[in-house]
């Protein structure tokens, strides 16, 4: 069995979904420290001038686990996001299919950041035709060191292969994985090119970008970035 593991991200990009699509089980790594100004509470959408952030404002303390981070609902972030999406994807071929579904998610009352991120992820997975089961690291007993934590997750789920991002080569102790009987398979994702609302093409947008432009072919577009 192959497992992929990653911190929850808000409106993640195609490479994140590719990792999930390669795995038999995906684990949301919600028990690790929240990192400000990364991808856990924001992502990018395409605009006429390039791209812009869509950010979920949060209350957090240094060292706080992602699962404990609360959304700052004193700010009208939902309305701002929906306004930006309607403005920049107003002429996208599939906006009438997907914007109402996104609006339903945004109009739900959210308190916990990870709950929102996972709800958005489940919706994206469904839209891309993915059925990979989701588990949560916060429900498991794990060691704290990074490599040991990943190995513990694999053993907890009975996984024999860990699907790692390319950046994992910089910090993972591969000898420990080998000793634990877990094969490490590194992701090699090449971002596909597809029509966008604006030229020239810019890679790395939130995955809703390809949904708005490609509709039911979004999953096919995603898998074009897979070498094997």
Protein backbone atom coordinates (compact mmCIF):
# COMPACT_ATOMS: atom_id res chain seq x y z
CA UNK A 1 0.00 0.00 0.00
CA UNK A 2 1.19 3.48 -0.87
CA UNK A 3 0.65 6.43 1.45
CA UNK A 4 1.14 10.15 0.83
CA UNK A 5 1.41 12.63 3.70
CA UNK A 6 1.21 16.42 3.71
CA UNK A 7 0.21 19.37 5.86
CA UNK A 8 -3.28 20.67 5.03
CA UNK A 9 -3.21 23.48 2.48
CA UNK A 10 -5.93 25.92 1.55
CA UNK A 11 -6.99 25.61 -2.09
CA UNK A 12 -3.85 23.59 -2.99
CA UNK A 13 -2.05 23.48 -6.32
CA UNK A 14 -1.95 20.62 -8.83
CA UNK A 15 1.23 19.05 -7.45
CA UNK A 16 -0.49 18.50 -4.10
CA UNK A 17 -3.40 16.75 -5.79
CA UNK A 18 -1.01 14.68 -7.91
CA UNK A 19 0.59 13.29 -4.77
CA UNK A 20 -2.84 12.29 -3.44
CA UNK A 21 -3.80 10.73 -6.75
CA UNK A 22 -0.69 8.52 -6.68
CA UNK A 23 -1.48 7.12 -3.24
CA UNK A 24 -3.85 4.51 -1.81
CA UNK A 25 -4.28 6.59 1.36
CA UNK A 26 -3.61 10.29 2.02
CA UNK A 27 -2.73 11.49 5.51
CA UNK A 28 -3.44 15.09 6.49
CA UNK A 29 -0.48 16.08 8.65
CA UNK A 30 -2.46 18.38 10.95
CA UNK A 31 -0.52 17.67 14.17
CA UNK A 32 2.63 19.61 13.17
CA UNK A 33 3.41 23.27 13.72
CA UNK A 34 1.52 25.92 11.75
CA UNK A 35 3.81 28.04 9.59
CA UNK A 36 2.85 31.60 8.87
CA UNK A 37 3.18 32.99 5.33
CA UNK A 38 3.31 29.58 3.68
CA UNK A 39 0.52 27.58 2.00
CA UNK A 40 -1.55 26.37 4.92
CA UNK A 41 -3.94 29.33 4.90
CA UNK A 42 -3.47 30.84 1.44
CA UNK A 43 -2.93 30.13 -2.22
CA UNK A 44 -2.83 31.89 -5.58
CA UNK A 45 -5.36 32.60 -8.31
CA UNK A 46 -4.71 33.89 -11.84
CA UNK A 47 -5.43 37.55 -12.59
CA UNK A 48 -5.09 39.88 -15.56
CA UNK A 49 -1.86 41.26 -14.08
CA UNK A 50 -0.39 37.89 -13.05
CA UNK A 51 -1.69 36.36 -9.83
CA UNK A 52 -2.88 37.28 -6.35
CA UNK A 53 -3.11 35.63 -2.95
CA UNK A 54 -6.39 34.47 -1.48
CA UNK A 55 -5.67 34.29 2.24
CA UNK A 56 -7.71 33.00 5.17
CA UNK A 57 -6.92 35.25 8.17
CA UNK A 58 -6.10 33.31 11.33
CA UNK A 59 -5.45 33.64 15.04
CA UNK A 60 -2.40 31.61 16.02
CA UNK A 61 0.40 31.37 18.54
CA UNK A 62 3.99 30.40 17.83
CA UNK A 63 4.41 26.65 17.98
CA UNK A 64 0.69 25.98 17.68
CA UNK A 65 -0.35 22.81 15.82
CA UNK A 66 -2.26 23.28 12.59
CA UNK A 67 -5.27 21.44 14.01
CA UNK A 68 -5.59 24.11 16.73
CA UNK A 69 -5.38 27.21 14.50
CA UNK A 70 -8.60 29.24 14.43
CA UNK A 71 -9.87 31.47 11.65
CA UNK A 72 -10.14 35.21 12.30
CA UNK A 73 -13.80 35.70 11.45
CA UNK A 74 -13.79 39.35 12.45
CA UNK A 75 -12.61 39.90 8.86
CA UNK A 76 -14.99 39.41 5.93
CA UNK A 77 -12.58 37.11 4.09
CA UNK A 78 -15.29 34.94 2.50
CA UNK A 79 -16.85 37.87 0.67
CA UNK A 80 -13.42 39.09 -0.46
CA UNK A 81 -12.48 35.66 -1.84
CA UNK A 82 -15.76 35.20 -3.69
CA UNK A 83 -15.53 38.69 -5.17
CA UNK A 84 -12.00 37.96 -6.43
CA UNK A 85 -13.03 34.59 -7.88
CA UNK A 86 -16.06 36.07 -9.64
CA UNK A 87 -13.97 38.92 -11.04
CA UNK A 88 -11.02 36.93 -12.34
CA UNK A 89 -12.86 33.79 -13.47
CA UNK A 90 -16.02 35.49 -14.65
CA UNK A 91 -15.34 34.50 -18.27
CA UNK A 92 -13.90 31.05 -17.57
CA UNK A 93 -15.73 28.28 -19.46
CA UNK A 94 -16.77 26.37 -16.31
CA UNK A 95 -17.36 29.18 -13.84
CA UNK A 96 -21.11 28.53 -13.74
CA UNK A 97 -20.42 24.89 -12.80
CA UNK A 98 -17.89 25.42 -10.04
CA UNK A 99 -18.40 28.89 -8.55
CA UNK A 100 -21.78 27.97 -6.98
CA UNK A 101 -20.18 24.92 -5.35
CA UNK A 102 -17.33 27.05 -4.03
CA UNK A 103 -19.85 29.59 -2.78
CA UNK A 104 -21.54 26.88 -0.72
CA UNK A 105 -18.22 26.06 0.95
CA UNK A 106 -17.49 29.73 1.62
CA UNK A 107 -20.96 30.36 3.02
CA UNK A 108 -20.50 27.62 5.63
CA UNK A 109 -19.50 28.86 9.09
CA UNK A 110 -15.88 27.85 9.71
CA UNK A 111 -13.92 28.16 12.95
CA UNK A 112 -10.98 25.77 12.49
CA UNK A 113 -8.57 26.36 9.61
CA UNK A 114 -7.86 22.67 9.06
CA UNK A 115 -11.60 21.88 8.82
CA UNK A 116 -11.95 24.45 6.04
CA UNK A 117 -8.82 23.22 4.25
CA UNK A 118 -9.99 19.60 4.35
CA UNK A 119 -13.49 20.51 3.16
CA UNK A 120 -11.97 22.40 0.24
CA UNK A 121 -9.65 19.45 -0.45
CA UNK A 122 -12.49 16.92 -0.46
CA UNK A 123 -14.41 19.09 -2.91
CA UNK A 124 -11.38 19.40 -5.19
CA UNK A 125 -10.74 15.67 -5.07
CA UNK A 126 -14.34 14.96 -6.06
CA UNK A 127 -14.16 17.47 -8.91
CA UNK A 128 -10.94 15.81 -10.16
CA UNK A 129 -12.45 12.33 -9.85
CA UNK A 130 -10.28 11.16 -6.93
CA UNK A 131 -11.46 8.65 -4.35
CA UNK A 132 -8.32 8.34 -2.19
CA UNK A 133 -9.29 7.87 1.49
CA UNK A 134 -8.14 10.55 3.94
CA UNK A 135 -6.67 9.94 7.41
CA UNK A 136 -5.36 12.42 10.00
CA UNK A 137 -2.05 12.40 11.84
CA UNK A 138 -3.74 13.97 14.88
CA UNK A 139 -5.59 10.67 15.37
CA UNK A 140 -2.33 8.69 15.57
CA UNK A 141 0.41 8.18 18.18
CA UNK A 142 3.62 9.36 16.52
CA UNK A 143 7.19 10.30 17.37
CA UNK A 144 8.27 13.93 16.96
CA UNK A 145 11.30 13.68 14.68
CA UNK A 146 10.32 14.25 11.05
CA UNK A 147 11.51 11.00 9.50
CA UNK A 148 10.38 8.93 12.49
CA UNK A 149 6.95 10.57 12.32
CA UNK A 150 6.54 9.62 8.66
CA UNK A 151 7.68 6.05 9.31
CA UNK A 152 5.24 5.77 12.21
CA UNK A 153 2.38 6.88 9.97
CA UNK A 154 3.33 4.28 7.38
CA UNK A 155 3.47 1.54 10.00
CA UNK A 156 0.18 2.64 11.56
CA UNK A 157 -1.57 2.27 8.20
CA UNK A 158 0.35 -0.81 7.08
CA UNK A 159 1.89 1.07 4.15
CA UNK A 160 4.91 -0.39 2.36
CA UNK A 161 5.59 2.67 0.15
CA UNK A 162 5.75 6.37 1.04
CA UNK A 163 5.07 8.83 -1.80
CA UNK A 164 7.31 11.81 -0.98
CA UNK A 165 7.56 15.24 -2.52
CA UNK A 166 10.74 16.05 -4.39
CA UNK A 167 11.79 18.41 -1.57
CA UNK A 168 11.88 15.52 0.89
CA UNK A 169 15.31 14.52 -0.40
CA UNK A 170 16.76 17.46 1.53
CA UNK A 171 15.76 16.27 4.99
CA UNK A 172 14.58 12.64 4.94
CA UNK A 173 16.74 9.92 6.46
CA UNK A 174 16.38 7.33 3.71
CA UNK A 175 18.41 4.74 5.61
CA UNK A 176 15.83 4.82 8.39
CA UNK A 177 13.04 4.21 5.89
CA UNK A 178 14.98 1.29 4.46
CA UNK A 179 15.58 -0.18 7.92
CA UNK A 180 11.86 0.21 8.67
CA UNK A 181 10.89 -1.68 5.52
CA UNK A 182 9.29 1.30 3.81
CA UNK A 183 10.13 2.12 0.19
CA UNK A 184 10.35 5.85 -0.60
CA UNK A 185 9.02 6.92 -3.98
CA UNK A 186 9.78 10.54 -4.89
CA UNK A 187 7.21 12.53 -6.80
CA UNK A 188 8.36 13.88 -10.17
CA UNK A 189 5.58 16.26 -11.16
CA UNK A 190 5.90 18.38 -14.28
CA UNK A 191 3.25 21.09 -14.30
CA UNK A 192 0.92 20.73 -17.32
CA UNK A 193 0.16 23.69 -19.55
CA UNK A 194 -3.51 24.43 -20.23
CA UNK A 195 -5.54 27.45 -21.39
CA UNK A 196 -5.87 30.17 -18.76
CA UNK A 197 -8.10 33.23 -18.65
CA UNK A 198 -5.08 35.39 -19.36
CA UNK A 199 -1.82 35.06 -21.27
CA UNK A 200 0.95 34.08 -20.83
CA UNK A 201 0.53 30.83 -18.91
CA UNK A 202 1.62 30.91 -15.25
CA UNK A 203 2.07 27.61 -13.41
CA UNK A 204 1.48 26.90 -9.75
CA UNK A 205 -1.96 28.43 -9.30
CA UNK A 206 -4.51 26.90 -6.94
CA UNK A 207 -6.12 23.85 -8.54
CA UNK A 208 -9.40 25.71 -9.05
CA UNK A 209 -7.67 27.45 -11.96
CA UNK A 210 -7.63 24.31 -14.11
CA UNK A 211 -11.15 23.38 -12.96
CA UNK A 212 -12.53 26.71 -14.12
CA UNK A 213 -10.80 26.37 -17.47
CA UNK A 214 -10.97 22.63 -18.23
CA UNK A 215 -13.99 21.31 -16.34
CA UNK A 216 -14.39 17.54 -16.56
CA UNK A 217 -11.01 17.25 -18.28
CA UNK A 218 -9.19 18.66 -15.23
CA UNK A 219 -8.19 15.20 -13.98
CA UNK A 220 -6.75 14.34 -17.38
CA UNK A 221 -4.79 17.60 -17.40
CA UNK A 222 -3.44 16.84 -13.94
CA UNK A 223 -2.14 13.44 -14.99
CA UNK A 224 -0.35 14.96 -17.97
CA UNK A 225 2.24 16.12 -15.45
CA UNK A 226 3.05 12.56 -14.42
CA UNK A 227 6.08 10.94 -16.01
CA UNK A 228 5.22 7.43 -14.79
